[in-house]
Amino acid sequence: MDDASPSLLDHPVPTEITGAGSLAVERFTRLLGGFVLRLLIFCFVIVLCAVLSRMMPGDTLEVMLSTDFARGLGTGEVQQLQETMGLGGGIASQVWEYWCKLFSGDLGYSIPHAAPVLQLLLIALPWTGLLILGAMPVFLIGGALAGIEAGQQPGGTVDRWVTPVVTILASLPPFTGAVLLLLVFGILWPILPTGGAEPLFPSTEYLGRATGVLRHAILPMLALALHELARFYFLARAETLNLTQRDFIVNARARGISPWRLRWAYIGRSLIPACLSRLSDTLIGLVSAVFFVEIVFSYPGTGYLIYSAILDRDYDLLQGAVVFMAGVVLLMNWLIDGLSAHLARRG
């Protein structure tokens, strides 16, 4: 065979194929690394929650024995109850026992509520999800639209009026905003319910009950939305200020594109990766904010469940609720990070 004859080895692999392969490997490595990191954080949260909850003064049995009915129990009976309730031994043994139960799929049993922790969480989680999912469109769409309007005309009417108001809202903690909404729309101008998730006597009809649930959720939703609206307003305003100087926006304006199309198809679309990245960071703030909001409005979600667990020193319920919410937040954070990275690469 002639040495000069062509061979398959003489034809290099197209750069498009090698580039796509390396990009796929990079994405997979990034996703896997993010998942492992969040898994380690999740394990740390489990240990930290188990240790800190047991460092609180008192326990479930002491809270139960504080009633007059239980004052006649002897020392031996109290010790036997401690062993039965899993409160005997030191913190290390209790934490190890909790780990063993957790990884066998058992979140524990709430003695004050006389129900499994998982059952209580499945009842409370939809109420918390309703508040968070209802608040998201308000602060995402409302904050982004107001930020786009202010960023397109810095120093204009919208910017001069909205920016100071949003700055004040940004300085309010979530429980303060919840109390103010409760005071204004529940007491001074009583047009909305002040607490609970449903009326005392809910309607038997589906539409009537849904209306009652939505009316009770309006104020908690607004309290959550006001807490996060400022972040997305200032993000959209800053990004819009930068985008208006870009060539494709200048050319679009020169071609006479309508203002609404410019906002939605050009500026709004370019804001999606930045808003998703901010939403990933916002999830933790939302979960902590919903804790205070549910307490103010006596809303039967996971935040109010954690509050009752703290008062009752209900270790299993407290640990189960915190661990469950931490897992949900970390998983959503991982998914949103992957999606925002994908959209950012697409431009």
Protein backbone atom coordinates (compact mmCIF):
# COMPACT_ATOMS: atom_id res chain seq x y z
CA MET A 1 0.00 0.00 0.00
CA ASP A 2 1.28 3.39 -0.90
CA ASP A 3 2.21 5.44 2.16
CA ALA A 4 0.73 8.50 0.51
CA SER A 5 -2.75 6.92 0.21
CA PRO A 6 -5.43 8.63 2.33
CA SER A 7 -6.43 7.09 5.65
CA LEU A 8 -9.30 7.62 8.06
CA LEU A 9 -6.81 8.94 10.56
CA ASP A 10 -5.92 11.73 8.15
CA HIS A 11 -9.42 13.23 8.47
CA PRO A 12 -9.82 15.15 11.71
CA VAL A 13 -13.06 15.05 13.68
CA PRO A 14 -15.15 18.16 12.98
CA THR A 15 -14.69 20.81 15.61
CA GLU A 16 -18.48 21.15 15.95
CA ILE A 17 -18.76 17.55 17.22
CA THR A 18 -15.85 17.80 19.64
CA GLY A 19 -17.09 21.17 20.88
CA ALA A 20 -20.60 19.83 21.49
CA GLY A 21 -19.21 16.79 23.32
CA SER A 22 -16.98 18.84 25.59
CA LEU A 23 -19.86 21.23 26.29
CA ALA A 24 -22.13 18.32 27.27
CA VAL A 25 -19.45 16.92 29.58
CA GLU A 26 -18.98 20.36 31.13
CA ARG A 27 -22.72 20.72 31.76
CA PHE A 28 -22.97 17.24 33.28
CA THR A 29 -19.95 17.87 35.52
CA ARG A 30 -21.42 21.16 36.66
CA LEU A 31 -24.80 19.60 37.45
CA LEU A 32 -23.22 16.63 39.23
CA GLY A 33 -20.94 18.89 41.27
CA GLY A 34 -23.87 21.09 42.27
CA PHE A 35 -25.91 18.04 43.28
CA VAL A 36 -23.10 16.59 45.42
CA LEU A 37 -22.54 19.97 47.10
CA ARG A 38 -26.23 20.31 47.95
CA LEU A 39 -26.31 16.74 49.23
CA LEU A 40 -23.48 17.56 51.64
CA ILE A 41 -25.31 20.71 52.74
CA PHE A 42 -28.45 18.63 53.28
CA CYS A 43 -26.58 16.18 55.53
CA PHE A 44 -25.11 19.10 57.48
CA VAL A 45 -28.60 20.59 57.94
CA ILE A 46 -29.85 17.26 59.33
CA VAL A 47 -27.07 17.10 61.92
CA LEU A 48 -27.31 20.79 62.81
CA CYS A 49 -31.09 20.69 63.24
CA ALA A 50 -30.95 17.54 65.37
CA VAL A 51 -28.27 18.99 67.66
CA LEU A 52 -29.67 22.52 68.01
CA SER A 53 -33.22 21.35 68.68
CA ARG A 54 -32.00 19.25 71.61
CA MET A 55 -30.01 22.14 73.03
CA MET A 56 -33.23 24.06 73.70
CA PRO A 57 -34.29 24.14 77.35
CA GLY A 58 -36.78 21.40 78.15
CA ASP A 59 -38.19 18.65 75.97
CA THR A 60 -41.55 17.23 74.94
CA LEU A 61 -42.01 15.34 78.19
CA GLU A 62 -41.28 18.39 80.36
CA VAL A 63 -43.86 20.42 78.45
CA MET A 64 -46.41 17.65 78.95
CA LEU A 65 -45.55 17.32 82.65
CA SER A 66 -46.08 21.05 83.21
CA THR A 67 -49.83 20.42 83.43
CA ASP A 68 -51.48 19.87 86.81
CA PHE A 69 -52.74 16.44 85.74
CA ALA A 70 -49.21 15.05 85.40
CA ARG A 71 -47.68 16.40 88.61
CA GLY A 72 -48.36 13.18 90.52
CA LEU A 73 -45.95 11.02 88.47
CA GLY A 74 -42.98 9.54 90.30
CA THR A 75 -39.32 9.66 89.26
CA GLY A 76 -39.33 6.10 87.97
CA GLU A 77 -42.41 6.72 85.85
CA VAL A 78 -40.85 9.86 84.38
CA GLN A 79 -37.67 7.97 83.45
CA GLN A 80 -39.72 5.20 81.87
CA LEU A 81 -41.63 7.78 79.81
CA GLN A 82 -38.33 9.34 78.69
CA GLU A 83 -37.07 6.00 77.43
CA THR A 84 -40.37 5.26 75.70
CA MET A 85 -40.37 8.66 73.95
CA GLY A 86 -36.72 8.33 72.87
CA LEU A 87 -35.54 11.14 75.15
CA GLY A 88 -33.15 9.04 77.23
CA GLY A 89 -29.38 9.09 76.84
CA GLY A 90 -27.25 11.95 75.57
CA ILE A 91 -27.54 14.16 72.51
CA ALA A 92 -25.20 11.96 70.46
CA SER A 93 -27.29 8.82 70.96
CA GLN A 94 -30.52 10.68 70.18
CA VAL A 95 -29.05 12.16 67.00
CA TRP A 96 -27.74 8.76 65.90
CA GLU A 97 -31.15 7.18 66.52
CA TYR A 98 -32.78 9.94 64.48
CA TRP A 99 -30.34 9.38 61.59
CA CYS A 100 -31.14 5.67 61.57
CA LYS A 101 -34.89 6.35 61.49
CA LEU A 102 -34.54 9.06 58.85
CA PHE A 103 -32.61 6.96 56.35
CA SER A 104 -35.09 4.13 56.82
CA GLY A 105 -37.80 6.51 55.58
CA ASP A 106 -39.29 7.34 58.99
CA LEU A 107 -39.58 11.05 59.83
CA GLY A 108 -40.81 10.24 63.31
CA TYR A 109 -44.02 10.57 65.29
CA SER A 110 -45.42 13.76 66.82
CA ILE A 111 -46.67 13.01 70.32
CA PRO A 112 -48.45 16.38 70.89
CA HIS A 113 -50.32 16.00 67.57
CA ALA A 114 -50.72 12.20 67.92
CA ALA A 115 -49.87 11.69 64.25
CA PRO A 116 -46.88 10.74 62.07
CA VAL A 117 -44.69 13.68 61.06
CA LEU A 118 -45.00 12.86 57.36
CA GLN A 119 -48.79 12.98 57.59
CA LEU A 120 -48.68 16.41 59.25
CA LEU A 121 -46.26 17.71 56.62
CA LEU A 122 -48.41 16.46 53.75
CA ILE A 123 -51.36 18.36 55.26
CA ALA A 124 -49.42 21.60 55.84
CA LEU A 125 -47.26 21.67 52.70
CA PRO A 126 -50.07 22.48 50.20
CA TRP A 127 -50.99 25.61 52.21
CA THR A 128 -47.38 26.83 52.17
CA GLY A 129 -47.10 25.98 48.48
CA LEU A 130 -50.24 28.00 47.78
CA LEU A 131 -48.73 31.09 49.41
CA ILE A 132 -45.36 30.78 47.67
CA LEU A 133 -46.76 29.95 44.23
CA GLY A 134 -49.32 32.73 44.58
CA ALA A 135 -46.70 35.29 45.61
CA MET A 136 -44.23 34.40 42.83
CA PRO A 137 -46.16 35.91 39.90
CA VAL A 138 -46.71 39.10 41.89
CA PHE A 139 -43.08 39.83 42.68
CA LEU A 140 -41.67 38.29 39.47
CA ILE A 141 -43.99 39.96 36.95
CA GLY A 142 -44.78 43.07 38.99
CA GLY A 143 -41.19 43.72 40.00
CA ALA A 144 -39.83 43.03 36.51
CA LEU A 145 -42.39 45.20 34.71
CA ALA A 146 -41.92 48.12 37.09
CA GLY A 147 -38.13 47.74 36.84
CA ILE A 148 -38.25 47.73 33.03
CA GLU A 149 -40.38 50.88 32.98
CA ALA A 150 -38.08 52.66 35.43
CA GLY A 151 -34.93 51.48 33.66
CA GLN A 152 -36.07 52.64 30.24
CA GLN A 153 -36.56 56.20 31.49
CA PRO A 154 -34.22 56.80 34.45
CA GLY A 155 -35.35 59.87 36.31
CA GLY A 156 -38.80 59.69 34.72
CA THR A 157 -42.17 59.60 36.43
CA VAL A 158 -42.14 55.86 37.19
CA ASP A 159 -38.56 55.95 38.43
CA ARG A 160 -39.13 58.98 40.67
CA TRP A 161 -42.29 57.59 42.28
CA VAL A 162 -41.75 53.83 42.37
CA THR A 163 -38.08 53.66 43.41
CA PRO A 164 -38.54 55.43 46.79
CA VAL A 165 -41.57 53.26 47.61
CA VAL A 166 -39.73 50.06 46.72
CA THR A 167 -36.72 51.22 48.74
CA ILE A 168 -38.95 51.55 51.80
CA LEU A 169 -40.45 48.10 51.16
CA ALA A 170 -36.97 46.61 50.91
CA SER A 171 -36.16 47.85 54.41
CA LEU A 172 -39.20 46.16 55.99
CA PRO A 173 -38.74 42.66 57.43
CA PRO A 174 -41.43 40.17 56.36
CA PHE A 175 -43.21 40.10 59.72
CA THR A 176 -43.45 43.92 59.73
CA GLY A 177 -45.05 43.96 56.31
CA ALA A 178 -47.44 41.21 57.40
CA VAL A 179 -48.47 43.14 60.52
CA LEU A 180 -49.02 46.34 58.51
CA LEU A 181 -51.19 44.53 55.95
CA LEU A 182 -53.13 42.90 58.77
CA LEU A 183 -53.64 46.26 60.48
CA VAL A 184 -54.76 48.11 57.34
CA PHE A 185 -56.88 45.53 55.48
CA GLY A 186 -57.99 43.43 58.43
CA ILE A 187 -58.70 45.96 61.19
CA LEU A 188 -58.77 49.58 59.98
CA TRP A 189 -60.41 48.69 56.66
CA PRO A 190 -61.72 45.16 57.28
CA ILE A 191 -62.25 43.85 53.77
CA LEU A 192 -60.16 40.66 54.04
CA PRO A 193 -59.88 37.85 56.62
CA THR A 194 -57.24 38.33 59.31
CA GLY A 195 -56.24 34.73 59.93
CA GLY A 196 -56.63 31.07 59.11
CA ALA A 197 -56.83 29.38 55.73
CA GLU A 198 -60.60 28.89 55.49
CA PRO A 199 -63.78 30.38 56.97
CA LEU A 200 -64.97 28.97 60.28
CA PHE A 201 -67.88 27.35 58.43
CA PRO A 202 -66.57 26.63 54.90
CA SER A 203 -68.96 26.33 52.02
CA THR A 204 -69.97 22.87 50.87
CA GLU A 205 -69.75 23.95 47.22
CA TYR A 206 -66.41 23.73 45.44
CA LEU A 207 -66.51 27.27 44.03
CA GLY A 208 -67.57 28.77 47.35
CA ARG A 209 -64.83 26.97 49.26
CA ALA A 210 -62.19 27.96 46.68
CA THR A 211 -63.28 31.59 46.97
CA GLY A 212 -62.97 31.44 50.76
CA VAL A 213 -59.50 29.89 50.54
CA LEU A 214 -58.31 32.56 48.09
CA ARG A 215 -59.68 35.40 50.24
CA HIS A 216 -57.81 34.06 53.27
CA ALA A 217 -54.61 33.70 51.21
CA ILE A 218 -54.56 37.22 49.72
CA LEU A 219 -52.93 39.02 52.66
CA PRO A 220 -50.24 36.34 53.33
CA MET A 221 -49.46 36.25 49.59
CA LEU A 222 -49.09 40.03 49.47
CA ALA A 223 -46.86 39.98 52.56
CA LEU A 224 -44.54 37.47 50.86
CA ALA A 225 -44.65 39.31 47.53
CA LEU A 226 -43.81 42.71 49.06
CA HIS A 227 -40.83 41.15 50.81
CA GLU A 228 -39.33 39.94 47.50
CA LEU A 229 -40.65 42.53 45.02
CA ALA A 230 -37.86 45.01 45.77
CA ARG A 231 -35.15 42.53 44.74
CA PHE A 232 -36.60 41.92 41.30
CA TYR A 233 -37.47 45.57 40.79
CA PHE A 234 -33.89 46.73 41.32
CA LEU A 235 -32.54 43.78 39.31
CA ALA A 236 -34.80 44.54 36.33
CA ARG A 237 -34.07 48.26 36.57
CA ALA A 238 -30.29 47.76 36.57
CA GLU A 239 -30.39 45.19 33.75
CA THR A 240 -32.67 47.43 31.67
CA LEU A 241 -30.28 50.37 32.08
CA ASN A 242 -27.50 48.20 30.68
CA LEU A 243 -29.60 46.69 27.91
CA THR A 244 -30.78 50.05 26.58
CA GLN A 245 -27.17 50.81 25.66
CA ARG A 246 -26.75 47.56 23.70
CA ASP A 247 -26.68 47.67 19.90
CA PHE A 248 -29.63 45.34 19.32
CA ILE A 249 -31.90 47.55 21.46
CA VAL A 250 -30.69 50.72 19.73
CA ASN A 251 -31.27 49.11 16.31
CA ALA A 252 -34.72 47.89 17.35
CA ARG A 253 -35.71 51.40 18.37
CA ALA A 254 -34.32 52.79 15.13
CA ARG A 255 -36.48 50.33 13.15
CA GLY A 256 -39.56 51.70 14.91
CA ILE A 257 -40.52 48.57 16.86
CA SER A 258 -43.55 49.11 19.09
CA PRO A 259 -42.82 49.83 22.77
CA TRP A 260 -44.66 46.71 24.00
CA ARG A 261 -42.74 44.43 21.63
CA LEU A 262 -39.50 46.08 22.73
CA ARG A 263 -40.36 45.41 26.38
CA TRP A 264 -41.49 41.80 25.95
CA ALA A 265 -39.50 40.38 23.02
CA TYR A 266 -36.21 42.20 23.59
CA ILE A 267 -35.74 43.48 27.14
CA GLY A 268 -38.02 41.04 28.96
CA ARG A 269 -36.60 38.00 27.18
CA SER A 270 -33.06 39.09 27.98
CA LEU A 271 -33.96 39.38 31.68
CA ILE A 272 -35.04 35.73 32.04
CA PRO A 273 -31.60 34.24 32.93
CA ALA A 274 -30.89 36.99 35.48
CA CYS A 275 -34.36 36.61 37.05
CA LEU A 276 -33.96 32.83 37.28
CA SER A 277 -30.59 33.22 38.98
CA ARG A 278 -32.09 35.66 41.47
CA LEU A 279 -35.07 33.33 42.01
CA SER A 280 -32.64 30.57 42.98
CA ASP A 281 -31.25 32.80 45.74
CA THR A 282 -34.74 33.99 46.67
CA LEU A 283 -36.06 30.53 47.58
CA ILE A 284 -34.28 30.50 50.94
CA GLY A 285 -35.59 33.97 51.74
CA LEU A 286 -39.11 32.91 50.77
CA VAL A 287 -39.05 29.88 53.07
CA SER A 288 -37.79 31.95 56.00
CA ALA A 289 -40.29 34.73 55.26
CA VAL A 290 -43.23 32.32 55.06
CA PHE A 291 -42.38 31.18 58.59
CA PHE A 292 -43.09 34.66 60.01
CA VAL A 293 -46.01 35.36 57.70
CA GLU A 294 -47.82 32.17 58.66
CA ILE A 295 -47.37 32.96 62.35
CA VAL A 296 -48.82 36.47 61.95
CA PHE A 297 -51.85 35.22 60.01
CA SER A 298 -52.20 31.89 61.90
CA TYR A 299 -51.95 30.17 58.54
CA PRO A 300 -51.75 26.34 58.83
CA GLY A 301 -48.65 25.82 56.71
CA THR A 302 -45.23 24.38 57.46
CA GLY A 303 -44.04 27.62 59.07
CA TYR A 304 -46.84 27.56 61.62
CA LEU A 305 -46.20 23.84 62.12
CA ILE A 306 -42.54 24.55 62.95
CA TYR A 307 -43.63 27.30 65.35
CA SER A 308 -45.95 24.91 67.21
CA ALA A 309 -43.17 22.30 67.30
CA ILE A 310 -40.83 24.82 68.95
CA LEU A 311 -43.42 25.68 71.60
CA ASP A 312 -44.13 22.00 72.32
CA ARG A 313 -40.45 20.98 72.11
CA ASP A 314 -41.62 18.42 69.57
CA TYR A 315 -38.23 17.24 68.30
CA ASP A 316 -39.49 14.84 65.65
CA LEU A 317 -41.88 17.36 64.11
CA LEU A 318 -39.33 20.18 64.23
CA GLN A 319 -36.59 18.09 62.65
CA GLY A 320 -38.90 16.53 60.07
CA ALA A 321 -40.32 19.89 58.95
CA VAL A 322 -36.93 21.61 58.72
CA VAL A 323 -35.28 18.67 56.94
CA PHE A 324 -38.19 18.32 54.51
CA MET A 325 -38.22 22.02 53.64
CA ALA A 326 -34.42 22.08 53.33
CA GLY A 327 -34.56 19.18 50.89
CA VAL A 328 -37.23 20.89 48.78
CA VAL A 329 -35.34 24.20 48.72
CA LEU A 330 -32.00 22.58 47.80
CA LEU A 331 -33.61 20.51 45.04
CA MET A 332 -35.40 23.52 43.55
CA ASN A 333 -32.21 25.58 43.86
CA TRP A 334 -30.29 22.91 41.93
CA LEU A 335 -32.91 22.71 39.16
CA ILE A 336 -33.16 26.49 38.75
CA ASP A 337 -29.37 26.86 38.68
CA GLY A 338 -29.16 24.28 35.90
CA LEU A 339 -31.93 25.95 33.91
CA SER A 340 -30.49 29.45 34.31
CA ALA A 341 -27.03 28.23 33.23
CA HIS A 342 -28.58 26.61 30.14
CA LEU A 343 -30.47 29.79 29.22
CA ALA A 344 -27.39 31.94 29.81
CA ARG A 345 -25.36 29.81 27.36
CA ARG A 346 -28.10 30.13 24.75
CA GLY A 347 -27.97 33.91 25.23
